[in-house]
Amino acid sequence: MYLYNIFFFLFAETVIFAELRFSAERHLSSIRQLTFGGQNAEGYFSFDGNWLTFQAAGISEYGTSCDQVFLFILN
């Protein structure tokens, strides 16, 4: 499955927008950072490409010390 509206997410403390975009990249566009910080973070696209789920933990970022699963609607 090829997703045209791919959102790229980073789990980092601070990222400058220019650093999210690589000038030679041909496949990714509409890059947007969804999270800032946290630990044990990973994400998955749904089979139909309409949803993104990710898990993360962090007291200051998410208010929890254990992993939580978040759902993000792409369309």
N, C-alpha and C. Protein backbone atom coordinates (compact mmCIF):
# COMPACT_ATOMS: atom_id res chain seq x y z
N MET A 1 0.84 -1.18 0.00
CA MET A 1 0.00 0.00 0.00
C MET A 1 0.88 1.23 0.00
N TYR A 2 0.60 2.18 -0.84
CA TYR A 2 1.39 3.40 -0.94
C TYR A 2 0.55 4.57 -0.44
N LEU A 3 1.03 5.25 0.55
CA LEU A 3 0.29 6.38 1.12
C LEU A 3 0.83 7.68 0.56
N TYR A 4 -0.02 8.50 -0.01
CA TYR A 4 0.42 9.75 -0.60
C TYR A 4 0.48 10.88 0.42
N ASN A 5 -0.40 10.88 1.38
CA ASN A 5 -0.39 11.91 2.42
C ASN A 5 0.22 11.34 3.68
N ILE A 6 1.49 11.10 3.62
CA ILE A 6 2.18 10.51 4.75
C ILE A 6 2.59 11.61 5.72
N PHE A 7 2.28 11.39 6.96
CA PHE A 7 2.73 12.30 8.00
C PHE A 7 3.94 11.67 8.67
N PHE A 8 4.95 12.46 8.83
CA PHE A 8 6.17 11.97 9.46
C PHE A 8 6.18 12.48 10.88
N PHE A 9 6.41 11.63 11.83
CA PHE A 9 6.41 12.08 13.20
C PHE A 9 7.73 11.74 13.86
N LEU A 10 8.16 12.64 14.73
CA LEU A 10 9.42 12.48 15.44
C LEU A 10 9.14 12.53 16.93
N PHE A 11 9.88 11.76 17.66
CA PHE A 11 9.78 11.78 19.10
C PHE A 11 11.08 12.40 19.61
N ALA A 12 11.12 13.71 19.63
CA ALA A 12 12.32 14.44 20.02
C ALA A 12 11.93 15.63 20.87
N GLU A 13 12.85 16.11 21.66
CA GLU A 13 12.57 17.26 22.52
C GLU A 13 12.28 18.50 21.69
N THR A 14 13.21 18.89 20.83
CA THR A 14 13.01 20.06 19.98
C THR A 14 13.53 19.77 18.59
N VAL A 15 12.79 20.20 17.61
CA VAL A 15 13.19 20.02 16.22
C VAL A 15 12.81 21.28 15.46
N ILE A 16 13.75 21.83 14.74
CA ILE A 16 13.46 22.98 13.89
C ILE A 16 12.80 22.46 12.62
N PHE A 17 11.77 23.16 12.13
CA PHE A 17 11.01 22.67 10.98
C PHE A 17 11.91 22.34 9.80
N ALA A 18 12.92 23.18 9.55
CA ALA A 18 13.82 22.94 8.42
C ALA A 18 14.53 21.59 8.54
N GLU A 19 14.74 21.11 9.75
CA GLU A 19 15.40 19.83 9.95
C GLU A 19 14.49 18.65 9.63
N LEU A 20 13.19 18.87 9.59
CA LEU A 20 12.25 17.79 9.27
C LEU A 20 12.26 17.46 7.78
N ARG A 21 12.74 18.37 6.98
CA ARG A 21 12.66 18.20 5.54
C ARG A 21 14.05 18.03 4.93
N PHE A 22 14.24 16.95 4.21
CA PHE A 22 15.49 16.67 3.52
C PHE A 22 15.31 17.11 2.07
N SER A 23 16.18 17.96 1.56
CA SER A 23 15.99 18.57 0.25
C SER A 23 15.88 17.56 -0.90
N ALA A 24 16.51 16.40 -0.78
CA ALA A 24 16.46 15.40 -1.84
C ALA A 24 15.29 14.42 -1.71
N GLU A 25 14.46 14.59 -0.68
CA GLU A 25 13.33 13.68 -0.45
C GLU A 25 12.29 13.85 -1.55
N ARG A 26 11.87 12.73 -2.17
CA ARG A 26 10.89 12.77 -3.24
C ARG A 26 9.54 12.19 -2.84
N HIS A 27 9.47 11.49 -1.73
CA HIS A 27 8.26 10.74 -1.39
C HIS A 27 7.44 11.35 -0.26
N LEU A 28 8.06 12.08 0.63
CA LEU A 28 7.33 12.63 1.78
C LEU A 28 7.01 14.09 1.56
N SER A 29 5.79 14.47 1.91
CA SER A 29 5.38 15.87 1.87
C SER A 29 4.44 16.11 3.04
N SER A 30 4.08 17.33 3.27
CA SER A 30 3.18 17.68 4.38
C SER A 30 3.70 17.13 5.70
N ILE A 31 4.97 17.32 5.94
CA ILE A 31 5.60 16.80 7.15
C ILE A 31 5.16 17.64 8.34
N ARG A 32 4.74 16.96 9.39
CA ARG A 32 4.27 17.65 10.59
C ARG A 32 4.69 16.86 11.82
N GLN A 33 5.26 17.53 12.79
CA GLN A 33 5.68 16.86 14.01
C GLN A 33 4.47 16.71 14.93
N LEU A 34 4.20 15.48 15.36
CA LEU A 34 3.03 15.21 16.19
C LEU A 34 3.34 15.15 17.67
N THR A 35 4.54 14.77 18.03
CA THR A 35 4.88 14.64 19.44
C THR A 35 6.19 15.33 19.74
N PHE A 36 6.37 15.66 20.99
CA PHE A 36 7.60 16.29 21.46
C PHE A 36 8.00 15.58 22.75
N GLY A 37 9.07 14.83 22.68
CA GLY A 37 9.54 14.14 23.88
C GLY A 37 8.82 12.83 24.10
N GLY A 38 8.96 12.32 25.31
CA GLY A 38 8.36 11.03 25.63
C GLY A 38 9.38 9.92 25.50
N GLN A 39 8.95 8.72 25.80
CA GLN A 39 9.83 7.56 25.72
C GLN A 39 9.04 6.36 25.25
N ASN A 40 9.73 5.35 24.77
CA ASN A 40 9.10 4.12 24.27
C ASN A 40 8.05 4.42 23.20
N ALA A 41 8.32 5.34 22.32
CA ALA A 41 7.34 5.75 21.33
C ALA A 41 7.49 4.95 20.03
N GLU A 42 6.36 4.56 19.46
CA GLU A 42 6.32 3.91 18.16
C GLU A 42 4.95 4.14 17.56
N GLY A 43 4.85 4.12 16.24
CA GLY A 43 3.58 4.38 15.60
C GLY A 43 3.29 3.43 14.46
N TYR A 44 2.01 3.30 14.12
CA TYR A 44 1.58 2.39 13.05
C TYR A 44 0.44 3.01 12.26
N PHE A 45 0.46 2.82 10.93
CA PHE A 45 -0.65 3.22 10.08
C PHE A 45 -1.66 2.08 10.02
N SER A 46 -2.95 2.43 9.90
CA SER A 46 -3.97 1.40 9.69
C SER A 46 -3.84 0.86 8.27
N PHE A 47 -4.45 -0.29 8.01
CA PHE A 47 -4.35 -0.90 6.68
C PHE A 47 -4.96 -0.02 5.60
N ASP A 48 -6.00 0.74 5.92
CA ASP A 48 -6.63 1.60 4.92
C ASP A 48 -5.98 2.98 4.82
N GLY A 49 -5.00 3.27 5.67
CA GLY A 49 -4.28 4.54 5.60
C GLY A 49 -5.02 5.73 6.20
N ASN A 50 -6.12 5.50 6.90
CA ASN A 50 -6.91 6.60 7.47
C ASN A 50 -6.58 6.91 8.92
N TRP A 51 -5.86 6.04 9.59
CA TRP A 51 -5.59 6.21 11.02
C TRP A 51 -4.10 6.02 11.30
N LEU A 52 -3.65 6.68 12.32
CA LEU A 52 -2.30 6.47 12.84
C LEU A 52 -2.44 6.25 14.33
N THR A 53 -1.89 5.17 14.83
CA THR A 53 -1.86 4.94 16.27
C THR A 53 -0.42 5.01 16.71
N PHE A 54 -0.20 5.58 17.89
CA PHE A 54 1.15 5.59 18.44
C PHE A 54 1.07 5.47 19.93
N GLN A 55 2.11 4.93 20.50
CA GLN A 55 2.17 4.80 21.94
C GLN A 55 3.34 5.64 22.44
N ALA A 56 3.16 6.20 23.61
CA ALA A 56 4.20 7.03 24.21
C ALA A 56 3.96 7.09 25.71
N ALA A 57 5.00 7.43 26.43
CA ALA A 57 4.92 7.60 27.87
C ALA A 57 5.78 8.79 28.26
N GLY A 58 5.39 9.48 29.29
CA GLY A 58 6.14 10.61 29.80
C GLY A 58 5.26 11.47 30.67
N ILE A 59 5.68 11.70 31.89
CA ILE A 59 4.88 12.50 32.83
C ILE A 59 4.65 13.91 32.30
N SER A 60 5.71 14.61 31.93
CA SER A 60 5.54 16.01 31.51
C SER A 60 4.86 16.13 30.15
N GLU A 61 5.08 15.18 29.24
CA GLU A 61 4.52 15.27 27.90
C GLU A 61 3.08 14.77 27.81
N TYR A 62 2.80 13.63 28.48
CA TYR A 62 1.50 12.96 28.33
C TYR A 62 0.77 12.72 29.63
N GLY A 63 1.38 13.07 30.75
CA GLY A 63 0.73 12.91 32.04
C GLY A 63 0.66 11.48 32.55
N THR A 64 1.51 10.63 32.05
CA THR A 64 1.49 9.23 32.47
C THR A 64 2.91 8.67 32.52
N SER A 65 3.13 7.76 33.44
CA SER A 65 4.45 7.12 33.52
C SER A 65 4.46 5.76 32.83
N CYS A 66 3.30 5.29 32.38
CA CYS A 66 3.25 4.02 31.65
C CYS A 66 2.80 4.30 30.22
N ASP A 67 3.03 3.34 29.33
CA ASP A 67 2.67 3.52 27.92
C ASP A 67 1.18 3.75 27.75
N GLN A 68 0.85 4.71 26.91
CA GLN A 68 -0.53 5.00 26.53
C GLN A 68 -0.61 4.92 25.01
N VAL A 69 -1.75 4.49 24.49
CA VAL A 69 -1.95 4.41 23.05
C VAL A 69 -2.83 5.57 22.62
N PHE A 70 -2.39 6.29 21.59
CA PHE A 70 -3.12 7.44 21.07
C PHE A 70 -3.55 7.15 19.64
N LEU A 71 -4.69 7.68 19.23
CA LEU A 71 -5.25 7.48 17.90
C LEU A 71 -5.35 8.82 17.21
N PHE A 72 -4.85 8.89 15.98
CA PHE A 72 -4.85 10.13 15.21
C PHE A 72 -5.54 9.85 13.88
N ILE A 73 -6.58 10.62 13.57
CA ILE A 73 -7.32 10.45 12.31
C ILE A 73 -6.60 11.26 11.23
N LEU A 74 -6.21 10.61 10.14
CA LEU A 74 -5.47 11.29 9.07
C LEU A 74 -6.37 11.96 8.06
N ASN A 75 -7.54 11.43 7.79
CA ASN A 75 -8.44 12.01 6.79
C ASN A 75 -9.61 12.69 7.44
